[in-house]
Amino acid sequence: MLKYIVIALVGLGVYIGMTYKDDIEDLMDSRSLEEVHDVFEDMSDKASDSADSLSEAADKLSSKFEELTN
């Protein structure tokens, strides 16, 4: 009997979670946190790309400097 009560409570929890998902997210304000996280990831990707391109440019300049000095 206890097994059926547990199954019923889990089913009720799933139903409530699916029905009121948007309301729960609004209360917890998790959407704005997700947006902030996405922006942070985009900015870190851009910074990483910029660092890579600067490193490549520095390598090219150093090789050209070596060619000119030899």
PDB file of N, CA and C in Angstrom:
ATOM      1  N   MET A   1       0.818  -1.191   0.000  1.00  0.00           N
ATOM      2  CA  MET A   1       0.000   0.000   0.000  1.00  0.00           C
ATOM      3  C   MET A   1       0.868   1.263   0.000  1.00  0.00           C
ATOM      4  N   LEU A   2       1.950   1.237   0.785  1.00  0.00           N
ATOM      5  CA  LEU A   2       2.848   2.380   0.861  1.00  0.00           C
ATOM      6  C   LEU A   2       3.469   2.667  -0.506  1.00  0.00           C
ATOM      7  N   LYS A   3       3.734   1.620  -1.253  1.00  0.00           N
ATOM      8  CA  LYS A   3       4.315   1.763  -2.582  1.00  0.00           C
ATOM      9  C   LYS A   3       3.383   2.568  -3.494  1.00  0.00           C
ATOM     10  N   TYR A   4       2.097   2.322  -3.420  1.00  0.00           N
ATOM     11  CA  TYR A   4       1.129   3.039  -4.246  1.00  0.00           C
ATOM     12  C   TYR A   4       1.008   4.500  -3.824  1.00  0.00           C
ATOM     13  N   ILE A   5       1.132   4.761  -2.538  1.00  0.00           N
ATOM     14  CA  ILE A   5       1.077   6.150  -2.061  1.00  0.00           C
ATOM     15  C   ILE A   5       2.290   6.924  -2.576  1.00  0.00           C
ATOM     16  N   VAL A   6       3.466   6.296  -2.531  1.00  0.00           N
ATOM     17  CA  VAL A   6       4.682   6.942  -3.029  1.00  0.00           C
ATOM     18  C   VAL A   6       4.568   7.210  -4.523  1.00  0.00           C
ATOM     19  N   ILE A   7       4.076   6.248  -5.272  1.00  0.00           N
ATOM     20  CA  ILE A   7       3.900   6.428  -6.717  1.00  0.00           C
ATOM     21  C   ILE A   7       2.912   7.552  -7.000  1.00  0.00           C
ATOM     22  N   ALA A   8       1.831   7.618  -6.246  1.00  0.00           N
ATOM     23  CA  ALA A   8       0.835   8.675  -6.433  1.00  0.00           C
ATOM     24  C   ALA A   8       1.438  10.043  -6.115  1.00  0.00           C
ATOM     25  N   LEU A   9       2.235  10.143  -5.057  1.00  0.00           N
ATOM     26  CA  LEU A   9       2.851  11.416  -4.705  1.00  0.00           C
ATOM     27  C   LEU A   9       3.876  11.857  -5.747  1.00  0.00           C
ATOM     28  N   VAL A  10       4.642  10.922  -6.277  1.00  0.00           N
ATOM     29  CA  VAL A  10       5.597  11.253  -7.334  1.00  0.00           C
ATOM     30  C   VAL A  10       4.845  11.717  -8.583  1.00  0.00           C
ATOM     31  N   GLY A  11       3.794  11.021  -8.931  1.00  0.00           N
ATOM     32  CA  GLY A  11       2.986  11.419 -10.080  1.00  0.00           C
ATOM     33  C   GLY A  11       2.385  12.802  -9.891  1.00  0.00           C
ATOM     34  N   LEU A  12       1.906  13.092  -8.679  1.00  0.00           N
ATOM     35  CA  LEU A  12       1.346  14.411  -8.381  1.00  0.00           C
ATOM     36  C   LEU A  12       2.427  15.479  -8.492  1.00  0.00           C
ATOM     37  N   GLY A  13       3.618  15.176  -8.014  1.00  0.00           N
ATOM     38  CA  GLY A  13       4.723  16.133  -8.112  1.00  0.00           C
ATOM     39  C   GLY A  13       5.119  16.416  -9.547  1.00  0.00           C
ATOM     40  N   VAL A  14       5.149  15.395 -10.368  1.00  0.00           N
ATOM     41  CA  VAL A  14       5.468  15.573 -11.783  1.00  0.00           C
ATOM     42  C   VAL A  14       4.387  16.402 -12.467  1.00  0.00           C
ATOM     43  N   TYR A  15       3.141  16.117 -12.162  1.00  0.00           N
ATOM     44  CA  TYR A  15       2.023  16.871 -12.750  1.00  0.00           C
ATOM     45  C   TYR A  15       2.104  18.346 -12.362  1.00  0.00           C
ATOM     46  N   ILE A  16       2.335  18.614 -11.087  1.00  0.00           N
ATOM     47  CA  ILE A  16       2.431  20.001 -10.631  1.00  0.00           C
ATOM     48  C   ILE A  16       3.628  20.684 -11.291  1.00  0.00           C
ATOM     49  N   GLY A  17       4.746  19.978 -11.375  1.00  0.00           N
ATOM     50  CA  GLY A  17       5.934  20.558 -11.995  1.00  0.00           C
ATOM     51  C   GLY A  17       5.732  20.890 -13.448  1.00  0.00           C
ATOM     52  N   MET A  18       5.054  20.036 -14.175  1.00  0.00           N
ATOM     53  CA  MET A  18       4.823  20.288 -15.604  1.00  0.00           C
ATOM     54  C   MET A  18       3.752  21.350 -15.816  1.00  0.00           C
ATOM     55  N   THR A  19       2.755  21.377 -14.977  1.00  0.00           N
ATOM     56  CA  THR A  19       1.667  22.331 -15.142  1.00  0.00           C
ATOM     57  C   THR A  19       2.106  23.749 -14.789  1.00  0.00           C
ATOM     58  N   TYR A  20       2.836  23.891 -13.720  1.00  0.00           N
ATOM     59  CA  TYR A  20       3.193  25.217 -13.215  1.00  0.00           C
ATOM     60  C   TYR A  20       4.673  25.541 -13.418  1.00  0.00           C
ATOM     61  N   LYS A  21       5.278  24.951 -14.446  1.00  0.00           N
ATOM     62  CA  LYS A  21       6.698  25.154 -14.698  1.00  0.00           C
ATOM     63  C   LYS A  21       7.040  26.629 -14.889  1.00  0.00           C
ATOM     64  N   ASP A  22       6.283  27.332 -15.718  1.00  0.00           N
ATOM     65  CA  ASP A  22       6.564  28.746 -15.982  1.00  0.00           C
ATOM     66  C   ASP A  22       6.407  29.592 -14.725  1.00  0.00           C
ATOM     67  N   ASP A  23       5.372  29.316 -13.949  1.00  0.00           N
ATOM     68  CA  ASP A  23       5.164  30.078 -12.720  1.00  0.00           C
ATOM     69  C   ASP A  23       6.296  29.842 -11.722  1.00  0.00           C
ATOM     70  N   ILE A  24       6.742  28.610 -11.636  1.00  0.00           N
ATOM     71  CA  ILE A  24       7.844  28.281 -10.723  1.00  0.00           C
ATOM     72  C   ILE A  24       9.127  28.972 -11.168  1.00  0.00           C
ATOM     73  N   GLU A  25       9.400  28.971 -12.468  1.00  0.00           N
ATOM     74  CA  GLU A  25      10.598  29.644 -12.977  1.00  0.00           C
ATOM     75  C   GLU A  25      10.522  31.147 -12.749  1.00  0.00           C
ATOM     76  N   ASP A  26       9.320  31.727 -12.885  1.00  0.00           N
ATOM     77  CA  ASP A  26       9.170  33.151 -12.627  1.00  0.00           C
ATOM     78  C   ASP A  26       9.430  33.471 -11.161  1.00  0.00           C
ATOM     79  N   LEU A  27       8.943  32.619 -10.272  1.00  0.00           N
ATOM     80  CA  LEU A  27       9.173  32.851  -8.846  1.00  0.00           C
ATOM     81  C   LEU A  27      10.645  32.748  -8.492  1.00  0.00           C
ATOM     82  N   MET A  28      11.317  31.787  -9.076  1.00  0.00           N
ATOM     83  CA  MET A  28      12.735  31.590  -8.779  1.00  0.00           C
ATOM     84  C   MET A  28      13.608  32.516  -9.613  1.00  0.00           C
ATOM     85  N   ASP A  29      13.020  33.154 -10.628  1.00  0.00           N
ATOM     86  CA  ASP A  29      13.724  34.072 -11.520  1.00  0.00           C
ATOM     87  C   ASP A  29      14.952  33.414 -12.128  1.00  0.00           C
ATOM     88  N   SER A  30      14.807  32.166 -12.542  1.00  0.00           N
ATOM     89  CA  SER A  30      15.936  31.429 -13.101  1.00  0.00           C
ATOM     90  C   SER A  30      16.192  31.789 -14.562  1.00  0.00           C
ATOM     91  N   ARG A  31      15.218  32.346 -15.236  1.00  0.00           N
ATOM     92  CA  ARG A  31      15.422  32.707 -16.642  1.00  0.00           C
ATOM     93  C   ARG A  31      16.463  33.805 -16.778  1.00  0.00           C
ATOM     94  N   SER A  32      16.387  34.811 -15.922  1.00  0.00           N
ATOM     95  CA  SER A  32      17.364  35.893 -16.023  1.00  0.00           C
ATOM     96  C   SER A  32      18.762  35.390 -15.673  1.00  0.00           C
ATOM     97  N   LEU A  33      18.861  34.472 -14.731  1.00  0.00           N
ATOM     98  CA  LEU A  33      20.168  33.902 -14.404  1.00  0.00           C
ATOM     99  C   LEU A  33      20.725  33.117 -15.573  1.00  0.00           C
ATOM    100  N   GLU A  34      19.872  32.419 -16.304  1.00  0.00           N
ATOM    101  CA  GLU A  34      20.317  31.686 -17.478  1.00  0.00           C
ATOM    102  C   GLU A  34      20.798  32.649 -18.556  1.00  0.00           C
ATOM    103  N   GLU A  35      20.098  33.771 -18.720  1.00  0.00           N
ATOM    104  CA  GLU A  35      20.509  34.757 -19.710  1.00  0.00           C
ATOM    105  C   GLU A  35      21.862  35.355 -19.345  1.00  0.00           C
ATOM    106  N   VAL A  36      22.058  35.646 -18.070  1.00  0.00           N
ATOM    107  CA  VAL A  36      23.343  36.189 -17.617  1.00  0.00           C
ATOM    108  C   VAL A  36      24.451  35.165 -17.851  1.00  0.00           C
ATOM    109  N   HIS A  37      24.162  33.915 -17.578  1.00  0.00           N
ATOM    110  CA  HIS A  37      25.154  32.852 -17.789  1.00  0.00           C
ATOM    111  C   HIS A  37      25.504  32.729 -19.265  1.00  0.00           C
ATOM    112  N   ASP A  38      24.498  32.819 -20.139  1.00  0.00           N
ATOM    113  CA  ASP A  38      24.757  32.737 -21.580  1.00  0.00           C
ATOM    114  C   ASP A  38      25.621  33.902 -22.052  1.00  0.00           C
ATOM    115  N   VAL A  39      25.323  35.109 -21.569  1.00  0.00           N
ATOM    116  CA  VAL A  39      26.114  36.282 -21.956  1.00  0.00           C
ATOM    117  C   VAL A  39      27.544  36.132 -21.460  1.00  0.00           C
ATOM    118  N   PHE A  40      27.708  35.631 -20.241  1.00  0.00           N
ATOM    119  CA  PHE A  40      29.047  35.424 -19.694  1.00  0.00           C
ATOM    120  C   PHE A  40      29.831  34.419 -20.530  1.00  0.00           C
ATOM    121  N   GLU A  41      29.178  33.331 -20.947  1.00  0.00           N
ATOM    122  CA  GLU A  41      29.850  32.346 -21.794  1.00  0.00           C
ATOM    123  C   GLU A  41      30.249  32.951 -23.137  1.00  0.00           C
ATOM    124  N   ASP A  42      29.357  33.757 -23.727  1.00  0.00           N
ATOM    125  CA  ASP A  42      29.676  34.394 -25.003  1.00  0.00           C
ATOM    126  C   ASP A  42      30.870  35.334 -24.866  1.00  0.00           C
ATOM    127  N   MET A  43      30.881  36.115 -23.783  1.00  0.00           N
ATOM    128  CA  MET A  43      31.989  37.044 -23.576  1.00  0.00           C
ATOM    129  C   MET A  43      33.300  36.302 -23.349  1.00  0.00           C
ATOM    130  N   SER A  44      33.262  35.204 -22.613  1.00  0.00           N
ATOM    131  CA  SER A  44      34.496  34.453 -22.380  1.00  0.00           C
ATOM    132  C   SER A  44      34.980  33.799 -23.671  1.00  0.00           C
ATOM    133  N   ASP A  45      34.051  33.345 -24.517  1.00  0.00           N
ATOM    134  CA  ASP A  45      34.458  32.783 -25.809  1.00  0.00           C
ATOM    135  C   ASP A  45      35.111  33.847 -26.690  1.00  0.00           C
ATOM    136  N   LYS A  46      34.529  35.047 -26.709  1.00  0.00           N
ATOM    137  CA  LYS A  46      35.102  36.125 -27.510  1.00  0.00           C
ATOM    138  C   LYS A  46      36.474  36.518 -26.985  1.00  0.00           C
ATOM    139  N   ALA A  47      36.625  36.562 -25.670  1.00  0.00           N
ATOM    140  CA  ALA A  47      37.920  36.914 -25.082  1.00  0.00           C
ATOM    141  C   ALA A  47      38.958  35.857 -25.427  1.00  0.00           C
ATOM    142  N   SER A  48      38.557  34.605 -25.392  1.00  0.00           N
ATOM    143  CA  SER A  48      39.479  33.525 -25.738  1.00  0.00           C
ATOM    144  C   SER A  48      39.887  33.614 -27.204  1.00  0.00           C
ATOM    145  N   ASP A  49      38.921  33.892 -28.074  1.00  0.00           N
ATOM    146  CA  ASP A  49      39.235  34.038 -29.499  1.00  0.00           C
ATOM    147  C   ASP A  49      40.173  35.212 -29.732  1.00  0.00           C
ATOM    148  N   SER A  50      39.931  36.314 -29.036  1.00  0.00           N
ATOM    149  CA  SER A  50      40.801  37.485 -29.181  1.00  0.00           C
ATOM    150  C   SER A  50      42.209  37.181 -28.697  1.00  0.00           C
ATOM    151  N   ALA A  51      42.317  36.470 -27.597  1.00  0.00           N
ATOM    152  CA  ALA A  51      43.638  36.109 -27.077  1.00  0.00           C
ATOM    153  C   ALA A  51      44.363  35.204 -28.063  1.00  0.00           C
ATOM    154  N   ASP A  52      43.649  34.282 -28.682  1.00  0.00           N
ATOM    155  CA  ASP A  52      44.269  33.396 -29.669  1.00  0.00           C
ATOM    156  C   ASP A  52      44.755  34.183 -30.880  1.00  0.00           C
ATOM    157  N   SER A  53      43.934  35.119 -31.360  1.00  0.00           N
ATOM    158  CA  SER A  53      44.347  35.897 -32.532  1.00  0.00           C
ATOM    159  C   SER A  53      45.519  36.807 -32.194  1.00  0.00           C
ATOM    160  N   LEU A  54      45.541  37.368 -30.987  1.00  0.00           N
ATOM    161  CA  LEU A  54      46.688  38.184 -30.579  1.00  0.00           C
ATOM    162  C   LEU A  54      47.956  37.341 -30.468  1.00  0.00           C
ATOM    163  N   SER A  55      47.820  36.137 -29.984  1.00  0.00           N
ATOM    164  CA  SER A  55      48.979  35.241 -29.879  1.00  0.00           C
ATOM    165  C   SER A  55      49.521  34.897 -31.263  1.00  0.00           C
ATOM    166  N   GLU A  56      48.617  34.637 -32.193  1.00  0.00           N
ATOM    167  CA  GLU A  56      49.057  34.338 -33.559  1.00  0.00           C
ATOM    168  C   GLU A  56      49.749  35.540 -34.185  1.00  0.00           C
ATOM    169  N   ALA A  57      49.204  36.736 -33.962  1.00  0.00           N
ATOM    170  CA  ALA A  57      49.814  37.944 -34.516  1.00  0.00           C
ATOM    171  C   ALA A  57      51.192  38.175 -33.911  1.00  0.00           C
ATOM    172  N   ALA A  58      51.328  37.922 -32.620  1.00  0.00           N
ATOM    173  CA  ALA A  58      52.631  38.093 -31.968  1.00  0.00           C
ATOM    174  C   ALA A  58      53.636  37.093 -32.523  1.00  0.00           C
ATOM    175  N   ASP A  59      53.190  35.873 -32.773  1.00  0.00           N
ATOM    176  CA  ASP A  59      54.097  34.877 -33.358  1.00  0.00           C
ATOM    177  C   ASP A  59      54.557  35.295 -34.758  1.00  0.00           C
ATOM    178  N   LYS A  60      53.642  35.823 -35.561  1.00  0.00           N
ATOM    179  CA  LYS A  60      54.012  36.277 -36.904  1.00  0.00           C
ATOM    180  C   LYS A  60      54.998  37.427 -36.845  1.00  0.00           C
ATOM    181  N   LEU A  61      54.725  38.384 -35.929  1.00  0.00           N
ATOM    182  CA  LEU A  61      55.639  39.520 -35.811  1.00  0.00           C
ATOM    183  C   LEU A  61      57.017  39.090 -35.336  1.00  0.00           C
ATOM    184  N   SER A  62      57.063  38.154 -34.416  1.00  0.00           N
ATOM    185  CA  SER A  62      58.369  37.708 -33.928  1.00  0.00           C
ATOM    186  C   SER A  62      59.135  36.968 -35.016  1.00  0.00           C
ATOM    187  N   SER A  63      58.437  36.176 -35.836  1.00  0.00           N
ATOM    188  CA  SER A  63      59.134  35.473 -36.924  1.00  0.00           C
ATOM    189  C   SER A  63      59.621  36.467 -37.977  1.00  0.00           C
ATOM    190  N   LYS A  64      58.845  37.518 -38.262  1.00  0.00           N
ATOM    191  CA  LYS A  64      59.288  38.526 -39.227  1.00  0.00           C
ATOM    192  C   LYS A  64      60.471  39.322 -38.680  1.00  0.00           C
ATOM    193  N   PHE A  65      60.455  39.581 -37.366  1.00  0.00           N
ATOM    194  CA  PHE A  65      61.565  40.286 -36.745  1.00  0.00           C
ATOM    195  C   PHE A  65      62.846  39.458 -36.831  1.00  0.00           C
ATOM    196  N   GLU A  66      62.716  38.166 -36.618  1.00  0.00           N
ATOM    197  CA  GLU A  66      63.874  37.280 -36.717  1.00  0.00           C
ATOM    198  C   GLU A  66      64.423  37.231 -38.144  1.00  0.00           C
ATOM    199  N   GLU A  67      63.499  37.246 -39.142  1.00  0.00           N
ATOM    200  CA  GLU A  67      63.934  37.249 -40.529  1.00  0.00           C
ATOM    201  C   GLU A  67      64.695  38.539 -40.859  1.00  0.00           C
ATOM    202  N   LEU A  68      64.213  39.653 -40.311  1.00  0.00           N
ATOM    203  CA  LEU A  68      64.856  40.936 -40.616  1.00  0.00           C
ATOM    204  C   LEU A  68      66.217  41.051 -39.926  1.00  0.00           C
ATOM    205  N   THR A  69      66.342  40.476 -38.755  1.00  0.00           N
ATOM    206  CA  THR A  69      67.621  40.599 -38.036  1.00  0.00           C
ATOM    207  C   THR A  69      68.671  39.642 -38.568  1.00  0.00           C
ATOM    208  N   ASN A  70      68.285  38.593 -39.249  1.00  0.00           N
ATOM    209  CA  ASN A  70      69.265  37.627 -39.789  1.00  0.00           C
ATOM    210  C   ASN A  70      69.682  37.966 -41.160  1.00  0.00           C
TER     211      ASN A  70
END
